[in-house]
PDB file of N, CA and C in Angstrom:
ATOM      1  N   MET A   1     -36.040 -34.246   2.906  1.00  0.00           N
ATOM      2  CA  MET A   1     -36.191 -35.664   2.682  1.00  0.00           C
ATOM      3  C   MET A   1     -34.802 -36.413   2.576  1.00  0.00           C
ATOM      4  N   PRO A   2     -34.494 -37.489   3.169  1.00  0.00           N
ATOM      5  CA  PRO A   2     -33.274 -38.185   2.999  1.00  0.00           C
ATOM      6  C   PRO A   2     -33.160 -38.707   1.536  1.00  0.00           C
ATOM      7  N   PRO A   3     -31.951 -39.002   1.132  1.00  0.00           N
ATOM      8  CA  PRO A   3     -31.741 -39.510  -0.158  1.00  0.00           C
ATOM      9  C   PRO A   3     -32.194 -40.949  -0.138  1.00  0.00           C
ATOM     10  N   ILE A   4     -32.837 -41.491  -1.297  1.00  0.00           N
ATOM     11  CA  ILE A   4     -33.236 -42.791  -1.351  1.00  0.00           C
ATOM     12  C   ILE A   4     -32.221 -43.850  -1.694  1.00  0.00           C
ATOM     13  N   GLU A   5     -32.077 -44.740  -0.769  1.00  0.00           N
ATOM     14  CA  GLU A   5     -31.143 -45.898  -0.851  1.00  0.00           C
ATOM     15  C   GLU A   5     -31.504 -46.968  -1.681  1.00  0.00           C
ATOM     16  N   VAL A   6     -30.986 -47.177  -2.703  1.00  0.00           N
ATOM     17  CA  VAL A   6     -31.362 -48.207  -3.640  1.00  0.00           C
ATOM     18  C   VAL A   6     -30.329 -49.366  -3.440  1.00  0.00           C
ATOM     19  N   ARG A   7     -30.754 -50.656  -3.260  1.00  0.00           N
ATOM     20  CA  ARG A   7     -29.889 -51.802  -3.242  1.00  0.00           C
ATOM     21  C   ARG A   7     -30.107 -52.741  -4.301  1.00  0.00           C
ATOM     22  N   HIS A   8     -29.063 -53.206  -4.937  1.00  0.00           N
ATOM     23  CA  HIS A   8     -29.186 -54.165  -6.143  1.00  0.00           C
ATOM     24  C   HIS A   8     -29.274 -55.671  -5.525  1.00  0.00           C
ATOM     25  N   LEU A   9     -30.349 -56.478  -5.752  1.00  0.00           N
ATOM     26  CA  LEU A   9     -30.530 -57.827  -5.355  1.00  0.00           C
ATOM     27  C   LEU A   9     -30.276 -58.653  -6.559  1.00  0.00           C
ATOM     28  N   PRO A  10     -29.118 -58.841  -7.043  1.00  0.00           N
ATOM     29  CA  PRO A  10     -28.933 -59.755  -8.457  1.00  0.00           C
ATOM     30  C   PRO A  10     -29.475 -61.084  -8.358  1.00  0.00           C
ATOM     31  N   GLU A  11     -29.502 -61.800  -7.104  1.00  0.00           N
ATOM     32  CA  GLU A  11     -30.071 -63.130  -7.098  1.00  0.00           C
ATOM     33  C   GLU A  11     -31.670 -62.964  -7.238  1.00  0.00           C
ATOM     34  N   ALA A  12     -32.271 -61.851  -7.148  1.00  0.00           N
ATOM     35  CA  ALA A  12     -33.628 -61.813  -7.271  1.00  0.00           C
ATOM     36  C   ALA A  12     -33.987 -60.816  -8.593  1.00  0.00           C
ATOM     37  N   ASN A  13     -32.887 -60.563  -9.372  1.00  0.00           N
ATOM     38  CA  ASN A  13     -33.027 -59.756 -10.523  1.00  0.00           C
ATOM     39  C   ASN A  13     -33.914 -58.463 -10.223  1.00  0.00           C
ATOM     40  N   ARG A  14     -33.405 -57.782  -9.177  1.00  0.00           N
ATOM     41  CA  ARG A  14     -34.292 -56.719  -8.781  1.00  0.00           C
ATOM     42  C   ARG A  14     -33.256 -55.655  -8.161  1.00  0.00           C
ATOM     43  N   PHE A  15     -33.839 -54.414  -8.240  1.00  0.00           N
ATOM     44  CA  PHE A  15     -33.315 -53.220  -7.588  1.00  0.00           C
ATOM     45  C   PHE A  15     -34.368 -52.855  -6.582  1.00  0.00           C
ATOM     46  N   GLU A  16     -34.017 -52.543  -5.310  1.00  0.00           N
ATOM     47  CA  GLU A  16     -35.029 -52.321  -4.261  1.00  0.00           C
ATOM     48  C   GLU A  16     -34.775 -51.164  -3.336  1.00  0.00           C
ATOM     49  N   ALA A  17     -35.652 -50.336  -2.993  1.00  0.00           N
ATOM     50  CA  ALA A  17     -35.530 -49.333  -2.074  1.00  0.00           C
ATOM     51  C   ALA A  17     -36.706 -49.562  -0.975  1.00  0.00           C
ATOM     52  N   VAL A  18     -36.470 -49.417   0.334  1.00  0.00           N
ATOM     53  CA  VAL A  18     -37.369 -49.565   1.324  1.00  0.00           C
ATOM     54  C   VAL A  18     -37.715 -48.022   1.934  1.00  0.00           C
ATOM     55  N   VAL A  19     -38.835 -47.635   1.809  1.00  0.00           N
ATOM     56  CA  VAL A  19     -39.167 -46.263   2.103  1.00  0.00           C
ATOM     57  C   VAL A  19     -40.216 -46.334   3.113  1.00  0.00           C
ATOM     58  N   ASP A  20     -40.174 -45.748   4.194  1.00  0.00           N
ATOM     59  CA  ASP A  20     -41.222 -45.737   5.314  1.00  0.00           C
ATOM     60  C   ASP A  20     -41.663 -47.314   5.559  1.00  0.00           C
ATOM     61  N   GLY A  21     -40.699 -48.104   5.589  1.00  0.00           N
ATOM     62  CA  GLY A  21     -41.096 -49.602   5.865  1.00  0.00           C
ATOM     63  C   GLY A  21     -41.693 -50.234   4.658  1.00  0.00           C
ATOM     64  N   ARG A  22     -41.875 -49.681   3.486  1.00  0.00           N
ATOM     65  CA  ARG A  22     -42.541 -50.291   2.331  1.00  0.00           C
ATOM     66  C   ARG A  22     -41.368 -50.603   1.248  1.00  0.00           C
ATOM     67  N   ALA A  23     -41.491 -51.730   0.639  1.00  0.00           N
ATOM     68  CA  ALA A  23     -40.606 -52.068  -0.373  1.00  0.00           C
ATOM     69  C   ALA A  23     -41.124 -51.682  -1.700  1.00  0.00           C
ATOM     70  N   CYS A  24     -40.192 -50.944  -2.468  1.00  0.00           N
ATOM     71  CA  CYS A  24     -40.470 -50.442  -3.794  1.00  0.00           C
ATOM     72  C   CYS A  24     -39.258 -51.110  -4.616  1.00  0.00           C
ATOM     73  N   HIS A  25     -39.656 -51.427  -5.876  1.00  0.00           N
ATOM     74  CA  HIS A  25     -38.806 -52.398  -6.625  1.00  0.00           C
ATOM     75  C   HIS A  25     -38.894 -52.083  -8.160  1.00  0.00           C
ATOM     76  N   LEU A  26     -37.719 -52.353  -8.832  1.00  0.00           N
ATOM     77  CA  LEU A  26     -37.636 -52.642 -10.298  1.00  0.00           C
ATOM     78  C   LEU A  26     -37.077 -53.973 -10.569  1.00  0.00           C
ATOM     79  N   ASP A  27     -37.778 -54.620 -11.414  1.00  0.00           N
ATOM     80  CA  ASP A  27     -37.556 -56.058 -11.759  1.00  0.00           C
ATOM     81  C   ASP A  27     -37.046 -56.039 -13.270  1.00  0.00           C
ATOM     82  N   TYR A  28     -35.930 -56.994 -13.427  1.00  0.00           N
ATOM     83  CA  TYR A  28     -35.271 -57.013 -14.766  1.00  0.00           C
ATOM     84  C   TYR A  28     -34.918 -58.481 -14.971  1.00  0.00           C
ATOM     85  N   LEU A  29     -34.658 -58.811 -16.084  1.00  0.00           N
ATOM     86  CA  LEU A  29     -34.138 -60.081 -16.599  1.00  0.00           C
ATOM     87  C   LEU A  29     -32.951 -59.778 -17.540  1.00  0.00           C
ATOM     88  N   ILE A  30     -31.743 -60.465 -17.398  1.00  0.00           N
ATOM     89  CA  ILE A  30     -30.674 -60.276 -18.205  1.00  0.00           C
ATOM     90  C   ILE A  30     -30.810 -61.410 -19.298  1.00  0.00           C
ATOM     91  N   ASP A  31     -30.813 -60.965 -20.688  1.00  0.00           N
ATOM     92  CA  ASP A  31     -30.819 -61.798 -21.748  1.00  0.00           C
ATOM     93  C   ASP A  31     -29.518 -61.448 -22.622  1.00  0.00           C
ATOM     94  N   GLY A  32     -28.489 -62.372 -22.419  1.00  0.00           N
ATOM     95  CA  GLY A  32     -27.275 -62.149 -23.118  1.00  0.00           C
ATOM     96  C   GLY A  32     -26.683 -60.844 -22.710  1.00  0.00           C
ATOM     97  N   SER A  33     -26.500 -59.848 -23.465  1.00  0.00           N
ATOM     98  CA  SER A  33     -25.989 -58.492 -23.154  1.00  0.00           C
ATOM     99  C   SER A  33     -27.206 -57.440 -23.032  1.00  0.00           C
ATOM    100  N   THR A  34     -28.450 -57.850 -22.742  1.00  0.00           N
ATOM    101  CA  THR A  34     -29.463 -56.929 -22.616  1.00  0.00           C
ATOM    102  C   THR A  34     -30.178 -57.107 -21.320  1.00  0.00           C
ATOM    103  N   MET A  35     -30.447 -55.904 -20.688  1.00  0.00           N
ATOM    104  CA  MET A  35     -31.266 -56.053 -19.460  1.00  0.00           C
ATOM    105  C   MET A  35     -32.625 -55.539 -19.859  1.00  0.00           C
ATOM    106  N   ARG A  36     -33.508 -56.523 -19.624  1.00  0.00           N
ATOM    107  CA  ARG A  36     -34.870 -56.314 -20.034  1.00  0.00           C
ATOM    108  C   ARG A  36     -35.647 -55.801 -18.666  1.00  0.00           C
ATOM    109  N   ILE A  37     -36.059 -54.660 -18.627  1.00  0.00           N
ATOM    110  CA  ILE A  37     -36.638 -54.078 -17.424  1.00  0.00           C
ATOM    111  C   ILE A  37     -38.109 -54.276 -17.675  1.00  0.00           C
ATOM    112  N   HIS A  38     -38.685 -55.026 -16.780  1.00  0.00           N
ATOM    113  CA  HIS A  38     -40.257 -55.372 -17.246  1.00  0.00           C
ATOM    114  C   HIS A  38     -41.125 -54.885 -16.052  1.00  0.00           C
ATOM    115  N   HIS A  39     -40.676 -54.354 -14.935  1.00  0.00           N
ATOM    116  CA  HIS A  39     -41.679 -53.948 -13.985  1.00  0.00           C
ATOM    117  C   HIS A  39     -40.949 -52.879 -12.940  1.00  0.00           C
ATOM    118  N   THR A  40     -41.676 -51.999 -12.603  1.00  0.00           N
ATOM    119  CA  THR A  40     -41.399 -50.986 -11.587  1.00  0.00           C
ATOM    120  C   THR A  40     -42.557 -50.856 -10.659  1.00  0.00           C
ATOM    121  N   GLU A  41     -42.492 -50.959  -9.270  1.00  0.00           N
ATOM    122  CA  GLU A  41     -43.531 -50.859  -8.558  1.00  0.00           C
ATOM    123  C   GLU A  41     -43.250 -49.978  -7.303  1.00  0.00           C
ATOM    124  N   VAL A  42     -44.028 -48.951  -7.032  1.00  0.00           N
ATOM    125  CA  VAL A  42     -43.889 -47.984  -5.920  1.00  0.00           C
ATOM    126  C   VAL A  42     -45.327 -47.974  -5.320  1.00  0.00           C
ATOM    127  N   PRO A  43     -45.497 -48.564  -4.021  1.00  0.00           N
ATOM    128  CA  PRO A  43     -46.867 -48.313  -3.419  1.00  0.00           C
ATOM    129  C   PRO A  43     -47.571 -46.956  -3.524  1.00  0.00           C
ATOM    130  N   HIS A  44     -48.819 -46.990  -3.764  1.00  0.00           N
ATOM    131  CA  HIS A  44     -49.513 -45.690  -3.994  1.00  0.00           C
ATOM    132  C   HIS A  44     -49.298 -44.564  -2.917  1.00  0.00           C
ATOM    133  N   PRO A  45     -49.173 -44.881  -1.653  1.00  0.00           N
ATOM    134  CA  PRO A  45     -48.951 -43.736  -0.719  1.00  0.00           C
ATOM    135  C   PRO A  45     -47.498 -43.070  -0.980  1.00  0.00           C
ATOM    136  N   LEU A  46     -46.676 -43.884  -1.544  1.00  0.00           N
ATOM    137  CA  LEU A  46     -45.191 -43.332  -1.735  1.00  0.00           C
ATOM    138  C   LEU A  46     -45.068 -42.568  -3.114  1.00  0.00           C
ATOM    139  N   GLU A  47     -46.008 -42.609  -3.914  1.00  0.00           N
ATOM    140  CA  GLU A  47     -45.785 -42.058  -5.260  1.00  0.00           C
ATOM    141  C   GLU A  47     -45.618 -40.607  -5.234  1.00  0.00           C
ATOM    142  N   GLY A  48     -44.855 -40.148  -6.235  1.00  0.00           N
ATOM    143  CA  GLY A  48     -44.481 -38.761  -6.404  1.00  0.00           C
ATOM    144  C   GLY A  48     -43.179 -38.270  -5.518  1.00  0.00           C
ATOM    145  N   ARG A  49     -42.544 -39.291  -4.998  1.00  0.00           N
ATOM    146  CA  ARG A  49     -41.398 -38.726  -4.016  1.00  0.00           C
ATOM    147  C   ARG A  49     -40.059 -39.216  -4.849  1.00  0.00           C
ATOM    148  N   GLY A  50     -40.152 -39.467  -6.051  1.00  0.00           N
ATOM    149  CA  GLY A  50     -38.940 -39.722  -6.852  1.00  0.00           C
ATOM    150  C   GLY A  50     -38.211 -41.141  -6.757  1.00  0.00           C
ATOM    151  N   ILE A  51     -39.095 -42.092  -6.034  1.00  0.00           N
ATOM    152  CA  ILE A  51     -38.546 -43.447  -5.768  1.00  0.00           C
ATOM    153  C   ILE A  51     -38.329 -44.226  -7.010  1.00  0.00           C
ATOM    154  N   ALA A  52     -39.306 -44.163  -7.959  1.00  0.00           N
ATOM    155  CA  ALA A  52     -39.187 -44.908  -9.245  1.00  0.00           C
ATOM    156  C   ALA A  52     -38.065 -44.491 -10.037  1.00  0.00           C
ATOM    157  N   ALA A  53     -37.940 -42.996  -9.991  1.00  0.00           N
ATOM    158  CA  ALA A  53     -36.661 -42.543 -10.768  1.00  0.00           C
ATOM    159  C   ALA A  53     -35.348 -42.831 -10.185  1.00  0.00           C
ATOM    160  N   ALA A  54     -35.382 -42.961  -8.865  1.00  0.00           N
ATOM    161  CA  ALA A  54     -34.019 -43.441  -8.195  1.00  0.00           C
ATOM    162  C   ALA A  54     -33.782 -44.917  -8.568  1.00  0.00           C
ATOM    163  N   LEU A  55     -34.754 -45.621  -8.551  1.00  0.00           N
ATOM    164  CA  LEU A  55     -34.693 -47.119  -9.027  1.00  0.00           C
ATOM    165  C   LEU A  55     -34.286 -47.256 -10.402  1.00  0.00           C
ATOM    166  N   THR A  56     -34.876 -46.473 -11.324  1.00  0.00           N
ATOM    167  CA  THR A  56     -34.502 -46.619 -12.784  1.00  0.00           C
ATOM    168  C   THR A  56     -33.088 -46.016 -13.019  1.00  0.00           C
ATOM    169  N   ARG A  57     -32.774 -44.851 -12.295  1.00  0.00           N
ATOM    170  CA  ARG A  57     -31.350 -44.420 -12.639  1.00  0.00           C
ATOM    171  C   ARG A  57     -30.279 -45.377 -12.141  1.00  0.00           C
ATOM    172  N   THR A  58     -30.562 -45.987 -10.987  1.00  0.00           N
ATOM    173  CA  THR A  58     -29.655 -47.050 -10.511  1.00  0.00           C
ATOM    174  C   THR A  58     -29.543 -48.162 -11.537  1.00  0.00           C
ATOM    175  N   ALA A  59     -30.639 -48.643 -12.083  1.00  0.00           N
ATOM    176  CA  ALA A  59     -30.602 -49.708 -12.915  1.00  0.00           C
ATOM    177  C   ALA A  59     -29.843 -49.368 -14.249  1.00  0.00           C
ATOM    178  N   ILE A  60     -30.189 -48.201 -14.699  1.00  0.00           N
ATOM    179  CA  ILE A  60     -29.421 -47.601 -16.050  1.00  0.00           C
ATOM    180  C   ILE A  60     -27.935 -47.449 -15.660  1.00  0.00           C
ATOM    181  N   ASP A  61     -27.643 -47.046 -14.683  1.00  0.00           N
ATOM    182  CA  ASP A  61     -26.161 -46.903 -14.332  1.00  0.00           C
ATOM    183  C   ASP A  61     -25.584 -48.216 -14.256  1.00  0.00           C
ATOM    184  N   HIS A  62     -26.213 -49.273 -13.727  1.00  0.00           N
ATOM    185  CA  HIS A  62     -25.684 -50.517 -13.528  1.00  0.00           C
ATOM    186  C   HIS A  62     -25.568 -51.020 -14.911  1.00  0.00           C
ATOM    187  N   ALA A  63     -26.569 -51.061 -15.738  1.00  0.00           N
ATOM    188  CA  ALA A  63     -26.366 -51.402 -17.260  1.00  0.00           C
ATOM    189  C   ALA A  63     -25.168 -50.802 -17.952  1.00  0.00           C
ATOM    190  N   ARG A  64     -24.983 -49.506 -17.727  1.00  0.00           N
ATOM    191  CA  ARG A  64     -23.959 -48.902 -18.329  1.00  0.00           C
ATOM    192  C   ARG A  64     -22.601 -49.327 -17.937  1.00  0.00           C
ATOM    193  N   SER A  65     -22.476 -49.458 -16.632  1.00  0.00           N
ATOM    194  CA  SER A  65     -21.190 -49.815 -15.979  1.00  0.00           C
ATOM    195  C   SER A  65     -20.965 -51.361 -16.319  1.00  0.00           C
ATOM    196  N   ASN A  66     -21.852 -52.115 -16.742  1.00  0.00           N
ATOM    197  CA  ASN A  66     -21.616 -53.542 -17.000  1.00  0.00           C
ATOM    198  C   ASN A  66     -21.637 -53.836 -18.529  1.00  0.00           C
ATOM    199  N   GLY A  67     -21.725 -52.758 -19.398  1.00  0.00           N
ATOM    200  CA  GLY A  67     -21.651 -53.059 -20.784  1.00  0.00           C
ATOM    201  C   GLY A  67     -23.154 -53.546 -21.396  1.00  0.00           C
ATOM    202  N   LEU A  68     -24.271 -53.372 -20.667  1.00  0.00           N
ATOM    203  CA  LEU A  68     -25.422 -53.950 -21.104  1.00  0.00           C
ATOM    204  C   LEU A  68     -26.210 -52.922 -21.840  1.00  0.00           C
ATOM    205  N   ARG A  69     -27.123 -53.424 -22.682  1.00  0.00           N
ATOM    206  CA  ARG A  69     -28.106 -52.492 -23.350  1.00  0.00           C
ATOM    207  C   ARG A  69     -29.364 -52.695 -22.524  1.00  0.00           C
ATOM    208  N   VAL A  70     -30.350 -51.802 -22.714  1.00  0.00           N
ATOM    209  CA  VAL A  70     -31.595 -51.893 -21.969  1.00  0.00           C
ATOM    210  C   VAL A  70     -32.880 -51.961 -22.834  1.00  0.00           C
ATOM    211  N   GLN A  71     -33.642 -52.965 -22.571  1.00  0.00           N
ATOM    212  CA  GLN A  71     -34.837 -53.006 -23.275  1.00  0.00           C
ATOM    213  C   GLN A  71     -35.915 -52.694 -22.262  1.00  0.00           C
ATOM    214  N   PRO A  72     -36.621 -51.351 -22.364  1.00  0.00           N
ATOM    215  CA  PRO A  72     -37.469 -50.893 -21.421  1.00  0.00           C
ATOM    216  C   PRO A  72     -38.906 -51.360 -21.728  1.00  0.00           C
ATOM    217  N   LEU A  73     -39.258 -52.596 -21.026  1.00  0.00           N
ATOM    218  CA  LEU A  73     -40.569 -53.131 -21.378  1.00  0.00           C
ATOM    219  C   LEU A  73     -41.623 -52.558 -20.377  1.00  0.00           C
ATOM    220  N   CYS A  74     -41.148 -51.881 -19.262  1.00  0.00           N
ATOM    221  CA  CYS A  74     -41.967 -51.205 -18.392  1.00  0.00           C
ATOM    222  C   CYS A  74     -42.282 -49.796 -18.801  1.00  0.00           C
ATOM    223  N   SER A  75     -43.643 -49.431 -18.810  1.00  0.00           N
ATOM    224  CA  SER A  75     -43.938 -48.114 -19.420  1.00  0.00           C
ATOM    225  C   SER A  75     -43.265 -46.946 -18.588  1.00  0.00           C
ATOM    226  N   TYR A  76     -43.095 -47.021 -17.263  1.00  0.00           N
ATOM    227  CA  TYR A  76     -42.439 -45.966 -16.578  1.00  0.00           C
ATOM    228  C   TYR A  76     -40.893 -45.749 -17.040  1.00  0.00           C
ATOM    229  N   VAL A  77     -40.253 -46.864 -17.132  1.00  0.00           N
ATOM    230  CA  VAL A  77     -38.867 -46.953 -17.633  1.00  0.00           C
ATOM    231  C   VAL A  77     -38.856 -46.247 -19.060  1.00  0.00           C
ATOM    232  N   ARG A  78     -39.678 -46.632 -19.995  1.00  0.00           N
ATOM    233  CA  ARG A  78     -39.720 -45.996 -21.268  1.00  0.00           C
ATOM    234  C   ARG A  78     -39.932 -44.465 -21.300  1.00  0.00           C
ATOM    235  N   THR A  79     -40.852 -43.985 -20.395  1.00  0.00           N
ATOM    236  CA  THR A  79     -41.090 -42.627 -20.225  1.00  0.00           C
ATOM    237  C   THR A  79     -39.721 -42.074 -19.618  1.00  0.00           C
ATOM    238  N   TRP A  80     -39.164 -42.648 -18.656  1.00  0.00           N
ATOM    239  CA  TRP A  80     -38.048 -41.963 -17.873  1.00  0.00           C
ATOM    240  C   TRP A  80     -36.915 -41.834 -18.949  1.00  0.00           C
ATOM    241  N   LEU A  81     -36.624 -42.723 -19.698  1.00  0.00           N
ATOM    242  CA  LEU A  81     -35.627 -42.849 -20.829  1.00  0.00           C
ATOM    243  C   LEU A  81     -35.928 -41.831 -21.732  1.00  0.00           C
ATOM    244  N   ARG A  82     -37.247 -41.527 -22.353  1.00  0.00           N
ATOM    245  CA  ARG A  82     -37.578 -40.432 -23.266  1.00  0.00           C
ATOM    246  C   ARG A  82     -37.156 -39.044 -22.580  1.00  0.00           C
ATOM    247  N   ARG A  83     -37.322 -38.873 -21.102  1.00  0.00           N
ATOM    248  CA  ARG A  83     -37.000 -37.770 -20.422  1.00  0.00           C
ATOM    249  C   ARG A  83     -35.496 -37.492 -20.248  1.00  0.00           C
ATOM    250  N   HIS A  84     -34.727 -38.508 -20.398  1.00  0.00           N
ATOM    251  CA  HIS A  84     -33.366 -38.621 -20.108  1.00  0.00           C
ATOM    252  C   HIS A  84     -32.512 -38.932 -21.451  1.00  0.00           C
ATOM    253  N   PRO A  85     -32.585 -38.271 -22.563  1.00  0.00           N
ATOM    254  CA  PRO A  85     -32.091 -38.591 -23.798  1.00  0.00           C
ATOM    255  C   PRO A  85     -30.477 -38.980 -23.567  1.00  0.00           C
ATOM    256  N   GLU A  86     -29.879 -38.570 -22.750  1.00  0.00           N
ATOM    257  CA  GLU A  86     -28.418 -38.723 -22.583  1.00  0.00           C
ATOM    258  C   GLU A  86     -28.119 -40.381 -22.297  1.00  0.00           C
ATOM    259  N   HIS A  87     -29.212 -41.088 -22.102  1.00  0.00           N
ATOM    260  CA  HIS A  87     -29.009 -42.677 -22.006  1.00  0.00           C
ATOM    261  C   HIS A  87     -29.590 -43.299 -23.233  1.00  0.00           C
ATOM    262  N   SER A  88     -29.944 -42.701 -24.181  1.00  0.00           N
ATOM    263  CA  SER A  88     -30.677 -43.281 -25.456  1.00  0.00           C
ATOM    264  C   SER A  88     -29.565 -44.173 -26.197  1.00  0.00           C
ATOM    265  N   ASP A  89     -28.139 -44.094 -25.842  1.00  0.00           N
ATOM    266  CA  ASP A  89     -27.286 -45.084 -26.504  1.00  0.00           C
ATOM    267  C   ASP A  89     -27.375 -46.386 -25.937  1.00  0.00           C
ATOM    268  N   LEU A  90     -28.107 -46.566 -24.778  1.00  0.00           N
ATOM    269  CA  LEU A  90     -28.245 -47.856 -24.084  1.00  0.00           C
ATOM    270  C   LEU A  90     -29.403 -48.571 -24.529  1.00  0.00           C
ATOM    271  N   VAL A  91     -30.318 -47.855 -25.182  1.00  0.00           N
ATOM    272  CA  VAL A  91     -31.589 -48.559 -25.448  1.00  0.00           C
ATOM    273  C   VAL A  91     -31.467 -49.530 -26.630  1.00  0.00           C
ATOM    274  N   ALA A  92     -31.927 -50.784 -26.358  1.00  0.00           N
ATOM    275  CA  ALA A  92     -31.809 -51.887 -27.352  1.00  0.00           C
ATOM    276  C   ALA A  92     -32.947 -51.681 -28.409  1.00  0.00           C
ATOM    277  N   ARG A  93     -32.597 -51.642 -29.646  1.00  0.00           N
ATOM    278  CA  ARG A  93     -33.531 -51.426 -30.639  1.00  0.00           C
ATOM    279  C   ARG A  93     -34.139 -52.750 -31.274  1.00  0.00           C
TER     280      ARG A  93
END
């Protein structure tokens, strides 16, 4: 399986990957120095291929490189962050 290419669309507050012609995305809002991640969506036929994880990792890497904290309002992102405690320093309390 080829690597998942994730694009940042800052004008839409979104990270996006197009896989098999279908758009998958992670939506966020910036509030001061906090990235509030509120939605991740992967169409059902594409689930289980690591797409949501790639979107989340890209968003977390973006937050880290831009000095942002992360508020995971999306249940998937909350679970991903629990599974990757090396990023716990970014979580806004």
